[in-house]
C-alpha atoms as a PDB file:
ATOM      1  CA  UNK A   1     -37.322 141.677-168.132  1.00  0.00           C
ATOM      2  CA  UNK A   2     -40.164 142.973-165.950  1.00  0.00           C
ATOM      3  CA  UNK A   3     -43.277 140.943-165.347  1.00  0.00           C
ATOM      4  CA  UNK A   4     -46.863 142.356-165.393  1.00  0.00           C
ATOM      5  CA  UNK A   5     -50.219 141.777-163.882  1.00  0.00           C
ATOM      6  CA  UNK A   6     -53.534 143.202-165.153  1.00  0.00           C
ATOM      7  CA  UNK A   7     -56.580 144.015-163.000  1.00  0.00           C
ATOM      8  CA  UNK A   8     -59.873 144.553-164.799  1.00  0.00           C
ATOM      9  CA  UNK A   9     -60.517 142.553-167.989  1.00  0.00           C
ATOM     10  CA  UNK A  10     -63.107 144.754-169.581  1.00  0.00           C
ATOM     11  CA  UNK A  11     -63.100 146.694-172.857  1.00  0.00           C
ATOM     12  CA  UNK A  12     -59.624 148.362-172.563  1.00  0.00           C
ATOM     13  CA  UNK A  13     -57.658 145.392-171.117  1.00  0.00           C
ATOM     14  CA  UNK A  14     -57.152 143.719-174.518  1.00  0.00           C
ATOM     15  CA  UNK A  15     -55.165 146.753-175.690  1.00  0.00           C
ATOM     16  CA  UNK A  16     -52.760 146.242-172.675  1.00  0.00           C
ATOM     17  CA  UNK A  17     -52.526 142.543-173.301  1.00  0.00           C
ATOM     18  CA  UNK A  18     -51.703 143.071-177.079  1.00  0.00           C
ATOM     19  CA  UNK A  19     -49.111 145.871-176.076  1.00  0.00           C
ATOM     20  CA  UNK A  20     -47.348 143.714-173.519  1.00  0.00           C
ATOM     21  CA  UNK A  21     -47.227 140.821-175.969  1.00  0.00           C
ATOM     22  CA  UNK A  22     -45.845 143.265-178.655  1.00  0.00           C
ATOM     23  CA  UNK A  23     -42.911 144.409-176.404  1.00  0.00           C
ATOM     24  CA  UNK A  24     -42.271 141.053-174.924  1.00  0.00           C
ATOM     25  CA  UNK A  25     -43.401 141.490-171.339  1.00  0.00           C
ATOM     26  CA  UNK A  26     -44.809 138.400-169.665  1.00  0.00           C
ATOM     27  CA  UNK A  27     -48.242 138.623-167.937  1.00  0.00           C
ATOM     28  CA  UNK A  28     -47.941 136.447-164.842  1.00  0.00           C
ATOM     29  CA  UNK A  29     -51.371 137.274-163.138  1.00  0.00           C
ATOM     30  CA  UNK A  30     -54.750 138.693-163.887  1.00  0.00           C
ATOM     31  CA  UNK A  31     -57.606 139.815-161.719  1.00  0.00           C
ATOM     32  CA  UNK A  32     -61.309 140.277-162.393  1.00  0.00           C
ATOM     33  CA  UNK A  33     -64.562 139.750-160.563  1.00  0.00           C
ATOM     34  CA  UNK A  34     -65.624 137.429-163.297  1.00  0.00           C
ATOM     35  CA  UNK A  35     -63.964 133.920-162.983  1.00  0.00           C
ATOM     36  CA  UNK A  36     -64.747 133.302-166.577  1.00  0.00           C
ATOM     37  CA  UNK A  37     -62.846 136.367-167.864  1.00  0.00           C
ATOM     38  CA  UNK A  38     -60.017 135.996-165.325  1.00  0.00           C
ATOM     39  CA  UNK A  39     -59.497 132.303-166.300  1.00  0.00           C
ATOM     40  CA  UNK A  40     -59.446 133.000-170.097  1.00  0.00           C
ATOM     41  CA  UNK A  41     -55.727 133.906-170.017  1.00  0.00           C
ATOM     42  CA  UNK A  42     -53.041 131.174-169.565  1.00  0.00           C
ATOM     43  CA  UNK A  43     -51.693 132.477-166.231  1.00  0.00           C
ATOM     44  CA  UNK A  44     -52.765 132.490-162.551  1.00  0.00           C
ATOM     45  CA  UNK A  45     -55.989 134.403-161.974  1.00  0.00           C
ATOM     46  CA  UNK A  46     -57.656 136.010-158.987  1.00  0.00           C
ATOM     47  CA  UNK A  47     -60.977 137.564-158.257  1.00  0.00           C
ATOM     48  CA  UNK A  48     -59.653 139.470-155.164  1.00  0.00           C
ATOM     49  CA  UNK A  49     -56.912 142.049-155.849  1.00  0.00           C
ATOM     50  CA  UNK A  50     -55.485 141.861-152.322  1.00  0.00           C
ATOM     51  CA  UNK A  51     -54.853 138.227-152.832  1.00  0.00           C
ATOM     52  CA  UNK A  52     -53.095 138.828-156.064  1.00  0.00           C
ATOM     53  CA  UNK A  53     -50.983 141.618-154.613  1.00  0.00           C
ATOM     54  CA  UNK A  54     -50.012 139.296-151.669  1.00  0.00           C
ATOM     55  CA  UNK A  55     -49.161 136.489-154.005  1.00  0.00           C
ATOM     56  CA  UNK A  56     -46.855 138.833-155.976  1.00  0.00           C
ATOM     57  CA  UNK A  57     -44.687 137.452-158.842  1.00  0.00           C
ATOM     58  CA  UNK A  58     -44.895 140.661-160.885  1.00  0.00           C
ATOM     59  CA  UNK A  59     -43.217 144.073-161.063  1.00  0.00           C
ATOM     60  CA  UNK A  60     -45.937 146.177-162.735  1.00  0.00           C
ATOM     61  CA  UNK A  61     -49.767 146.360-162.217  1.00  0.00           C
ATOM     62  CA  UNK A  62     -51.847 147.520-165.113  1.00  0.00           C
ATOM     63  CA  UNK A  63     -55.099 148.997-163.783  1.00  0.00           C
ATOM     64  CA  UNK A  64     -58.023 148.766-166.248  1.00  0.00           C
ATOM     65  CA  UNK A  65     -60.907 149.031-163.664  1.00  0.00           C
ATOM     66  CA  UNK A  66     -63.953 151.359-163.392  1.00  0.00           C
ATOM     67  CA  UNK A  67     -62.846 154.899-162.408  1.00  0.00           C
ATOM     68  CA  UNK A  68     -63.783 154.839-158.724  1.00  0.00           C
ATOM     69  CA  UNK A  69     -61.471 151.759-158.112  1.00  0.00           C
ATOM     70  CA  UNK A  70     -58.371 153.329-159.648  1.00  0.00           C
ATOM     71  CA  UNK A  71     -57.126 154.982-156.465  1.00  0.00           C
ATOM     72  CA  UNK A  72     -57.588 152.320-153.871  1.00  0.00           C
ATOM     73  CA  UNK A  73     -56.095 149.581-156.005  1.00  0.00           C
ATOM     74  CA  UNK A  74     -53.164 151.830-157.128  1.00  0.00           C
ATOM     75  CA  UNK A  75     -52.446 152.818-153.476  1.00  0.00           C
ATOM     76  CA  UNK A  76     -52.467 149.280-152.351  1.00  0.00           C
ATOM     77  CA  UNK A  77     -50.088 148.195-155.075  1.00  0.00           C
ATOM     78  CA  UNK A  78     -47.752 151.143-154.650  1.00  0.00           C
ATOM     79  CA  UNK A  79     -47.475 150.532-150.901  1.00  0.00           C
ATOM     80  CA  UNK A  80     -46.177 147.119-151.687  1.00  0.00           C
ATOM     81  CA  UNK A  81     -43.487 148.536-154.059  1.00  0.00           C
ATOM     82  CA  UNK A  82     -45.251 147.545-157.215  1.00  0.00           C
ATOM     83  CA  UNK A  83     -45.109 149.979-160.119  1.00  0.00           C
ATOM     84  CA  UNK A  84     -48.534 151.115-161.412  1.00  0.00           C
ATOM     85  CA  UNK A  85     -49.776 152.028-164.926  1.00  0.00           C
ATOM     86  CA  UNK A  86     -53.342 153.248-164.534  1.00  0.00           C
ATOM     87  CA  UNK A  87     -55.830 153.836-167.272  1.00  0.00           C
ATOM     88  CA  UNK A  88     -57.465 157.334-167.496  1.00  0.00           C
ATOM     89  CA  UNK A  89     -58.787 159.013-165.583  1.00  0.00           C
ATOM     90  CA  UNK A  90     -56.249 158.899-162.807  1.00  0.00           C
ATOM     91  CA  UNK A  91     -59.028 158.970-160.189  1.00  0.00           C
ATOM     92  CA  UNK A  92     -62.530 160.616-159.740  1.00  0.00           C
ATOM     93  CA  UNK A  93     -61.240 163.284-157.159  1.00  0.00           C
ATOM     94  CA  UNK A  94     -58.215 165.417-156.574  1.00  0.00           C
ATOM     95  CA  UNK A  95     -57.866 163.901-153.060  1.00  0.00           C
ATOM     96  CA  UNK A  96     -57.667 160.411-154.426  1.00  0.00           C
ATOM     97  CA  UNK A  97     -55.205 161.377-157.135  1.00  0.00           C
ATOM     98  CA  UNK A  98     -52.923 163.047-154.527  1.00  0.00           C
ATOM     99  CA  UNK A  99     -53.081 159.818-152.455  1.00  0.00           C
ATOM    100  CA  UNK A 100     -51.749 157.872-155.375  1.00  0.00           C
ATOM    101  CA  UNK A 101     -48.922 160.274-155.903  1.00  0.00           C
ATOM    102  CA  UNK A 102     -48.033 160.233-152.131  1.00  0.00           C
ATOM    103  CA  UNK A 103     -48.014 156.354-152.093  1.00  0.00           C
ATOM    104  CA  UNK A 104     -45.717 156.413-155.099  1.00  0.00           C
ATOM    105  CA  UNK A 105     -43.312 158.818-153.390  1.00  0.00           C
ATOM    106  CA  UNK A 106     -43.226 156.956-150.122  1.00  0.00           C
ATOM    107  CA  UNK A 107     -42.489 153.566-151.698  1.00  0.00           C
ATOM    108  CA  UNK A 108     -40.339 154.640-154.516  1.00  0.00           C
ATOM    109  CA  UNK A 109     -42.520 152.673-157.012  1.00  0.00           C
ATOM    110  CA  UNK A 110     -43.365 154.518-160.210  1.00  0.00           C
ATOM    111  CA  UNK A 111     -46.843 155.713-161.127  1.00  0.00           C
ATOM    112  CA  UNK A 112     -47.903 156.283-164.715  1.00  0.00           C
ATOM    113  CA  UNK A 113     -51.269 157.254-166.206  1.00  0.00           C
ATOM    114  CA  UNK A 114     -52.337 156.261-169.694  1.00  0.00           C
ATOM    115  CA  UNK A 115     -52.831 159.199-171.977  1.00  0.00           C
ATOM    116  CA  UNK A 116     -51.550 157.522-175.081  1.00  0.00           C
ATOM    117  CA  UNK A 117     -52.505 160.282-177.432  1.00  0.00           C
ATOM    118  CA  UNK A 118     -49.398 162.135-176.306  1.00  0.00           C
ATOM    119  CA  UNK A 119     -47.413 159.403-178.184  1.00  0.00           C
ATOM    120  CA  UNK A 120     -49.013 160.026-181.585  1.00  0.00           C
ATOM    121  CA  UNK A 121     -46.868 161.591-184.372  1.00  0.00           C
ATOM    122  CA  UNK A 122     -49.339 164.428-184.703  1.00  0.00           C
ATOM    123  CA  UNK A 123     -48.967 165.364-181.025  1.00  0.00           C
ATOM    124  CA  UNK A 124     -45.176 165.298-181.434  1.00  0.00           C
ATOM    125  CA  UNK A 125     -45.348 167.659-184.274  1.00  0.00           C
ATOM    126  CA  UNK A 126     -47.515 170.232-182.510  1.00  0.00           C
ATOM    127  CA  UNK A 127     -45.557 169.869-179.301  1.00  0.00           C
ATOM    128  CA  UNK A 128     -42.313 170.604-181.044  1.00  0.00           C
ATOM    129  CA  UNK A 129     -43.690 173.613-183.024  1.00  0.00           C
ATOM    130  CA  UNK A 130     -44.959 175.160-179.756  1.00  0.00           C
ATOM    131  CA  UNK A 131     -41.904 174.452-177.736  1.00  0.00           C
ATOM    132  CA  UNK A 132     -39.397 175.659-180.327  1.00  0.00           C
ATOM    133  CA  UNK A 133     -41.128 179.011-180.556  1.00  0.00           C
ATOM    134  CA  UNK A 134     -41.817 178.418-184.315  1.00  0.00           C
ATOM    135  CA  UNK A 135     -45.518 179.283-183.865  1.00  0.00           C
ATOM    136  CA  UNK A 136     -44.918 182.220-181.538  1.00  0.00           C
ATOM    137  CA  UNK A 137     -47.200 183.420-178.746  1.00  0.00           C
ATOM    138  CA  UNK A 138     -50.448 181.430-178.248  1.00  0.00           C
ATOM    139  CA  UNK A 139     -53.402 183.650-178.843  1.00  0.00           C
ATOM    140  CA  UNK A 140     -56.357 181.266-178.393  1.00  0.00           C
ATOM    141  CA  UNK A 141     -58.004 178.224-179.767  1.00  0.00           C
ATOM    142  CA  UNK A 142     -60.698 175.528-179.265  1.00  0.00           C
ATOM    143  CA  UNK A 143     -61.308 171.877-178.649  1.00  0.00           C
ATOM    144  CA  UNK A 144     -64.337 169.736-179.632  1.00  0.00           C
ATOM    145  CA  UNK A 145     -65.386 166.190-178.965  1.00  0.00           C
ATOM    146  CA  UNK A 146     -68.812 165.313-180.206  1.00  0.00           C
ATOM    147  CA  UNK A 147     -69.520 161.551-179.948  1.00  0.00           C
ATOM    148  CA  UNK A 148     -72.620 159.284-179.644  1.00  0.00           C
ATOM    149  CA  UNK A 149     -73.413 157.205-176.674  1.00  0.00           C
ATOM    150  CA  UNK A 150     -76.850 155.655-176.222  1.00  0.00           C
ATOM    151  CA  UNK A 151     -78.723 154.305-173.332  1.00  0.00           C
ATOM    152  CA  UNK A 152     -77.411 150.799-173.922  1.00  0.00           C
ATOM    153  CA  UNK A 153     -73.869 151.960-173.494  1.00  0.00           C
ATOM    154  CA  UNK A 154     -74.734 153.100-169.870  1.00  0.00           C
ATOM    155  CA  UNK A 155     -76.707 150.041-169.214  1.00  0.00           C
ATOM    156  CA  UNK A 156     -73.780 147.712-169.993  1.00  0.00           C
ATOM    157  CA  UNK A 157     -71.958 148.567-166.821  1.00  0.00           C
ATOM    158  CA  UNK A 158     -73.589 149.498-163.559  1.00  0.00           C
ATOM    159  CA  UNK A 159     -70.819 152.005-162.703  1.00  0.00           C
ATOM    160  CA  UNK A 160     -71.242 154.208-165.735  1.00  0.00           C
ATOM    161  CA  UNK A 161     -73.407 157.296-165.623  1.00  0.00           C
ATOM    162  CA  UNK A 162     -73.084 157.833-161.882  1.00  0.00           C
ATOM    163  CA  UNK A 163     -71.268 160.511-160.043  1.00  0.00           C
ATOM    164  CA  UNK A 164     -70.056 158.196-157.298  1.00  0.00           C
ATOM    165  CA  UNK A 165     -68.570 155.604-159.631  1.00  0.00           C
ATOM    166  CA  UNK A 166     -67.751 157.255-162.923  1.00  0.00           C
ATOM    167  CA  UNK A 167     -66.993 160.576-161.417  1.00  0.00           C
ATOM    168  CA  UNK A 168     -68.835 162.439-164.263  1.00  0.00           C
ATOM    169  CA  UNK A 169     -69.801 161.928-167.847  1.00  0.00           C
ATOM    170  CA  UNK A 170     -68.495 163.275-171.186  1.00  0.00           C
ATOM    171  CA  UNK A 171     -65.747 165.250-169.477  1.00  0.00           C
ATOM    172  CA  UNK A 172     -64.028 162.687-167.367  1.00  0.00           C
ATOM    173  CA  UNK A 173     -64.652 159.771-169.733  1.00  0.00           C
ATOM    174  CA  UNK A 174     -65.058 160.468-173.353  1.00  0.00           C
ATOM    175  CA  UNK A 175     -63.191 163.848-173.821  1.00  0.00           C
ATOM    176  CA  UNK A 176     -60.501 163.659-171.120  1.00  0.00           C
ATOM    177  CA  UNK A 177     -57.784 162.673-173.601  1.00  0.00           C
ATOM    178  CA  UNK A 178     -58.537 165.923-175.698  1.00  0.00           C
ATOM    179  CA  UNK A 179     -58.250 167.985-172.579  1.00  0.00           C
ATOM    180  CA  UNK A 180     -55.106 166.215-171.640  1.00  0.00           C
ATOM    181  CA  UNK A 181     -53.626 167.094-175.026  1.00  0.00           C
ATOM    182  CA  UNK A 182     -54.416 170.729-174.612  1.00  0.00           C
ATOM    183  CA  UNK A 183     -52.690 170.679-171.191  1.00  0.00           C
ATOM    184  CA  UNK A 184     -49.778 168.842-172.864  1.00  0.00           C
ATOM    185  CA  UNK A 185     -49.469 171.442-175.442  1.00  0.00           C
ATOM    186  CA  UNK A 186     -50.101 174.584-173.316  1.00  0.00           C
ATOM    187  CA  UNK A 187     -49.194 173.783-169.752  1.00  0.00           C
ATOM    188  CA  UNK A 188     -51.177 174.558-166.530  1.00  0.00           C
ATOM    189  CA  UNK A 189     -54.480 176.478-166.933  1.00  0.00           C
ATOM    190  CA  UNK A 190     -54.824 179.762-165.027  1.00  0.00           C
ATOM    191  CA  UNK A 191     -58.651 180.026-165.066  1.00  0.00           C
ATOM    192  CA  UNK A 192     -61.716 178.034-165.910  1.00  0.00           C
ATOM    193  CA  UNK A 193     -65.368 179.110-166.729  1.00  0.00           C
ATOM    194  CA  UNK A 194     -67.730 176.413-167.699  1.00  0.00           C
ATOM    195  CA  UNK A 195     -71.262 174.969-167.723  1.00  0.00           C
ATOM    196  CA  UNK A 196     -72.529 171.302-167.875  1.00  0.00           C
ATOM    197  CA  UNK A 197     -75.869 169.668-168.462  1.00  0.00           C
ATOM    198  CA  UNK A 198     -77.611 166.451-169.221  1.00  0.00           C
ATOM    199  CA  UNK A 199     -79.813 167.036-172.291  1.00  0.00           C
ATOM    200  CA  UNK A 200     -80.327 163.717-173.944  1.00  0.00           C
ATOM    201  CA  UNK A 201     -79.683 160.888-171.430  1.00  0.00           C
ATOM    202  CA  UNK A 202     -82.460 160.903-168.759  1.00  0.00           C
ATOM    203  CA  UNK A 203     -81.308 157.481-167.450  1.00  0.00           C
ATOM    204  CA  UNK A 204     -77.940 158.779-166.162  1.00  0.00           C
ATOM    205  CA  UNK A 205     -76.963 161.251-163.409  1.00  0.00           C
ATOM    206  CA  UNK A 206     -73.947 162.862-165.039  1.00  0.00           C
ATOM    207  CA  UNK A 207     -73.415 165.412-167.796  1.00  0.00           C
ATOM    208  CA  UNK A 208     -73.678 164.593-171.449  1.00  0.00           C
ATOM    209  CA  UNK A 209     -72.638 168.120-172.640  1.00  0.00           C
ATOM    210  CA  UNK A 210     -70.216 170.687-171.405  1.00  0.00           C
ATOM    211  CA  UNK A 211     -68.887 174.010-172.724  1.00  0.00           C
ATOM    212  CA  UNK A 212     -66.793 176.805-171.558  1.00  0.00           C
ATOM    213  CA  UNK A 213     -63.338 178.627-171.652  1.00  0.00           C
ATOM    214  CA  UNK A 214     -60.066 177.527-170.244  1.00  0.00           C
ATOM    215  CA  UNK A 215     -57.430 180.276-169.882  1.00  0.00           C
ATOM    216  CA  UNK A 216     -53.690 179.497-170.296  1.00  0.00           C
ATOM    217  CA  UNK A 217     -51.835 182.675-169.573  1.00  0.00           C
ATOM    218  CA  UNK A 218     -53.174 185.300-172.029  1.00  0.00           C
ATOM    219  CA  UNK A 219     -54.814 182.692-174.296  1.00  0.00           C
ATOM    220  CA  UNK A 220     -58.453 181.608-174.046  1.00  0.00           C
ATOM    221  CA  UNK A 221     -59.415 178.146-175.228  1.00  0.00           C
ATOM    222  CA  UNK A 222     -63.101 177.465-175.885  1.00  0.00           C
ATOM    223  CA  UNK A 223     -64.453 173.938-175.701  1.00  0.00           C
ATOM    224  CA  UNK A 224     -67.575 172.038-176.539  1.00  0.00           C
ATOM    225  CA  UNK A 225     -68.063 168.320-175.844  1.00  0.00           C
ATOM    226  CA  UNK A 226     -71.125 166.082-175.866  1.00  0.00           C
ATOM    227  CA  UNK A 227     -72.320 162.446-176.268  1.00  0.00           C
ATOM    228  CA  UNK A 228     -75.482 162.973-178.355  1.00  0.00           C
ATOM    229  CA  UNK A 229     -73.884 163.703-181.751  1.00  0.00           C
ATOM    230  CA  UNK A 230     -75.205 161.329-184.424  1.00  0.00           C
ATOM    231  CA  UNK A 231     -71.774 159.708-184.754  1.00  0.00           C
ATOM    232  CA  UNK A 232     -68.225 159.753-183.227  1.00  0.00           C
ATOM    233  CA  UNK A 233     -66.737 162.733-185.031  1.00  0.00           C
ATOM    234  CA  UNK A 234     -62.911 163.007-184.834  1.00  0.00           C
ATOM    235  CA  UNK A 235     -61.811 164.827-181.720  1.00  0.00           C
ATOM    236  CA  UNK A 236     -60.437 168.146-182.767  1.00  0.00           C
ATOM    237  CA  UNK A 237     -58.001 170.909-181.480  1.00  0.00           C
ATOM    238  CA  UNK A 238     -57.001 174.182-182.950  1.00  0.00           C
ATOM    239  CA  UNK A 239     -54.410 176.486-181.427  1.00  0.00           C
ATOM    240  CA  UNK A 240     -54.044 179.963-183.042  1.00  0.00           C
ATOM    241  CA  UNK A 241     -50.677 181.662-182.583  1.00  0.00           C
ATOM    242  CA  UNK A 242     -48.925 184.819-183.605  1.00  0.00           C
ATOM    243  CA  UNK A 243     -46.975 183.059-186.380  1.00  0.00           C
ATOM    244  CA  UNK A 244     -49.542 180.570-187.496  1.00  0.00           C
ATOM    245  CA  UNK A 245     -51.842 177.775-186.241  1.00  0.00           C
ATOM    246  CA  UNK A 246     -51.789 174.087-185.274  1.00  0.00           C
ATOM    247  CA  UNK A 247     -54.675 171.724-185.850  1.00  0.00           C
ATOM    248  CA  UNK A 248     -55.219 168.207-184.672  1.00  0.00           C
ATOM    249  CA  UNK A 249     -58.149 166.399-186.175  1.00  0.00           C
ATOM    250  CA  UNK A 250     -58.256 162.789-185.045  1.00  0.00           C
ATOM    251  CA  UNK A 251     -54.731 161.638-185.626  1.00  0.00           C
ATOM    252  CA  UNK A 252     -53.916 164.176-188.386  1.00  0.00           C
ATOM    253  CA  UNK A 253     -51.897 167.292-187.432  1.00  0.00           C
ATOM    254  CA  UNK A 254     -51.221 170.280-189.495  1.00  0.00           C
ATOM    255  CA  UNK A 255     -48.893 173.192-188.673  1.00  0.00           C
ATOM    256  CA  UNK A 256     -49.668 176.237-191.020  1.00  0.00           C
ATOM    257  CA  UNK A 257     -47.307 179.207-190.660  1.00  0.00           C
ATOM    258  CA  UNK A 258     -48.050 182.808-191.669  1.00  0.00           C
ATOM    259  CA  UNK A 259     -45.314 182.671-194.268  1.00  0.00           C
ATOM    260  CA  UNK A 260     -47.120 179.817-196.098  1.00  0.00           C
ATOM    261  CA  UNK A 261     -45.061 176.946-194.848  1.00  0.00           C
ATOM    262  CA  UNK A 262     -47.185 173.816-193.918  1.00  0.00           C
ATOM    263  CA  UNK A 263     -46.131 170.740-191.994  1.00  0.00           C
ATOM    264  CA  UNK A 264     -48.182 167.548-191.488  1.00  0.00           C
ATOM    265  CA  UNK A 265     -48.176 164.344-189.545  1.00  0.00           C
ATOM    266  CA  UNK A 266     -50.571 161.403-189.457  1.00  0.00           C
ATOM    267  CA  UNK A 267     -50.677 157.701-188.877  1.00  0.00           C
ATOM    268  CA  UNK A 268     -47.434 156.167-187.858  1.00  0.00           C
ATOM    269  CA  UNK A 269     -47.364 153.441-190.446  1.00  0.00           C
ATOM    270  CA  UNK A 270     -43.889 152.259-189.500  1.00  0.00           C
ATOM    271  CA  UNK A 271     -44.974 151.554-185.925  1.00  0.00           C
ATOM    272  CA  UNK A 272     -48.212 149.932-187.275  1.00  0.00           C
ATOM    273  CA  UNK A 273     -46.054 147.422-189.226  1.00  0.00           C
ATOM    274  CA  UNK A 274     -43.675 146.943-186.273  1.00  0.00           C
ATOM    275  CA  UNK A 275     -46.393 146.172-183.751  1.00  0.00           C
ATOM    276  CA  UNK A 276     -48.894 144.590-186.112  1.00  0.00           C
ATOM    277  CA  UNK A 277     -51.740 147.074-185.275  1.00  0.00           C
ATOM    278  CA  UNK A 278     -53.787 149.103-187.772  1.00  0.00           C
ATOM    279  CA  UNK A 279     -55.229 151.596-185.324  1.00  0.00           C
ATOM    280  CA  UNK A 280     -53.277 154.602-184.296  1.00  0.00           C
ATOM    281  CA  UNK A 281     -55.060 154.332-180.878  1.00  0.00           C
ATOM    282  CA  UNK A 282     -53.533 150.865-180.492  1.00  0.00           C
ATOM    283  CA  UNK A 283     -50.045 151.915-181.726  1.00  0.00           C
ATOM    284  CA  UNK A 284     -49.973 154.822-179.243  1.00  0.00           C
ATOM    285  CA  UNK A 285     -50.897 152.404-176.429  1.00  0.00           C
ATOM    286  CA  UNK A 286     -47.940 150.297-177.273  1.00  0.00           C
ATOM    287  CA  UNK A 287     -45.707 153.210-177.508  1.00  0.00           C
ATOM    288  CA  UNK A 288     -46.665 154.536-174.054  1.00  0.00           C
ATOM    289  CA  UNK A 289     -46.512 151.150-172.433  1.00  0.00           C
ATOM    290  CA  UNK A 290     -43.084 150.492-173.931  1.00  0.00           C
ATOM    291  CA  UNK A 291     -41.881 153.964-172.686  1.00  0.00           C
ATOM    292  CA  UNK A 292     -43.289 153.144-169.238  1.00  0.00           C
ATOM    293  CA  UNK A 293     -41.179 149.973-168.997  1.00  0.00           C
ATOM    294  CA  UNK A 294     -38.155 151.697-170.385  1.00  0.00           C
ATOM    295  CA  UNK A 295     -38.444 154.377-167.688  1.00  0.00           C
ATOM    296  CA  UNK A 296     -38.631 151.727-165.026  1.00  0.00           C
ATOM    297  CA  UNK A 297     -35.546 150.026-166.357  1.00  0.00           C
ATOM    298  CA  UNK A 298     -33.660 153.390-166.365  1.00  0.00           C
ATOM    299  CA  UNK A 299     -34.986 154.395-162.867  1.00  0.00           C
ATOM    300  CA  UNK A 300     -36.668 157.623-164.036  1.00  0.00           C
ATOM    301  CA  UNK A 301     -40.158 158.985-163.920  1.00  0.00           C
ATOM    302  CA  UNK A 302     -42.488 157.726-166.699  1.00  0.00           C
ATOM    303  CA  UNK A 303     -44.442 160.201-168.872  1.00  0.00           C
ATOM    304  CA  UNK A 304     -47.004 161.142-168.097  1.00  0.00           C
ATOM    305  CA  UNK A 305     -46.201 160.625-164.482  1.00  0.00           C
ATOM    306  CA  UNK A 306     -48.684 160.866-161.667  1.00  0.00           C
ATOM    307  CA  UNK A 307     -47.760 164.549-161.174  1.00  0.00           C
ATOM    308  CA  UNK A 308     -48.341 165.324-164.886  1.00  0.00           C
ATOM    309  CA  UNK A 309     -51.652 163.441-164.839  1.00  0.00           C
ATOM    310  CA  UNK A 310     -52.691 165.291-161.769  1.00  0.00           C
ATOM    311  CA  UNK A 311     -52.743 168.584-163.869  1.00  0.00           C
ATOM    312  CA  UNK A 312     -55.340 167.041-166.191  1.00  0.00           C
ATOM    313  CA  UNK A 313     -57.249 165.747-163.122  1.00  0.00           C
ATOM    314  CA  UNK A 314     -57.296 169.302-161.761  1.00  0.00           C
ATOM    315  CA  UNK A 315     -58.519 170.548-165.122  1.00  0.00           C
ATOM    316  CA  UNK A 316     -61.419 168.178-165.329  1.00  0.00           C
ATOM    317  CA  UNK A 317     -62.431 168.575-161.732  1.00  0.00           C
ATOM    318  CA  UNK A 318     -61.968 172.353-162.109  1.00  0.00           C
ATOM    319  CA  UNK A 319     -64.543 172.394-164.959  1.00  0.00           C
ATOM    320  CA  UNK A 320     -67.044 170.546-162.675  1.00  0.00           C
ATOM    321  CA  UNK A 321     -66.385 172.964-159.865  1.00  0.00           C
ATOM    322  CA  UNK A 322     -66.846 176.023-162.177  1.00  0.00           C
ATOM    323  CA  UNK A 323     -70.080 174.594-163.604  1.00  0.00           C
ATOM    324  CA  UNK A 324     -71.464 173.887-160.175  1.00  0.00           C
ATOM    325  CA  UNK A 325     -70.538 177.358-158.996  1.00  0.00           C
ATOM    326  CA  UNK A 326     -72.463 178.917-161.836  1.00  0.00           C
ATOM    327  CA  UNK A 327     -75.539 177.078-160.834  1.00  0.00           C
ATOM    328  CA  UNK A 328     -75.364 178.227-157.170  1.00  0.00           C
END
């Protein structure tokens, strides 16, 4: 059985810890700049990731760090032949994301990126309906993510709300999972036209709203995302096709065909019981982490791999580029 290390013990790390415990993977090292957090787990702890990588004793590194640290830490681990599972976003720039992929190719160590929503039962239903041709040609659609983040959220961590360290705002952080889902369903975009702004958060540098159109072949997908909604509304996707439509609202998916047939999928209650987690978000994390370790054992690329995640990185960065071009 493979052994794991975790770097970064902030908000998302407990999900990795619980997932590893659920699938029986031993955590043999952790790293964090806080000795108090690093020492809370019953295993060797480090405050310098280079020291942890040199000490070794693990096969997989889980990266749960601020965005700007993903690439340098991933490259350092991959160069030592350590497999890497990195939280989203893959990086803050295309160049850094490509460095991660290149390091993986050179060493032969696998690189995976956490987009756990791909592992939900709703995502599986929509993916199959699109791939099988049941829904027919994609005509268009939309995605929406309208959440709430106040000033205290950005004040909690000094890396949030800054271009240099977060890489952006609502696009690269809160709504990236939903953009990844659209890429997962429809493939590689052929064109992007977008605008961004900061309308309600004067203490941050980055955008708190974005809107635009992403073109996939002949289909145009409109989007609207922000972090000044009164509450965290369920992230939503609708894909309109020749033979019907697919909707994903939170974890609930519905396929409605023109002939009146309807298919639905929601929470994976069986997996919730199996892993002892109530949240679909948590269950999907376990599913992806388990699939990552299975891929390593079978010597095949994980899903999503670095190359797959790069497509989503290109989409997010492409939206920023389009928005900036419209301002010039």
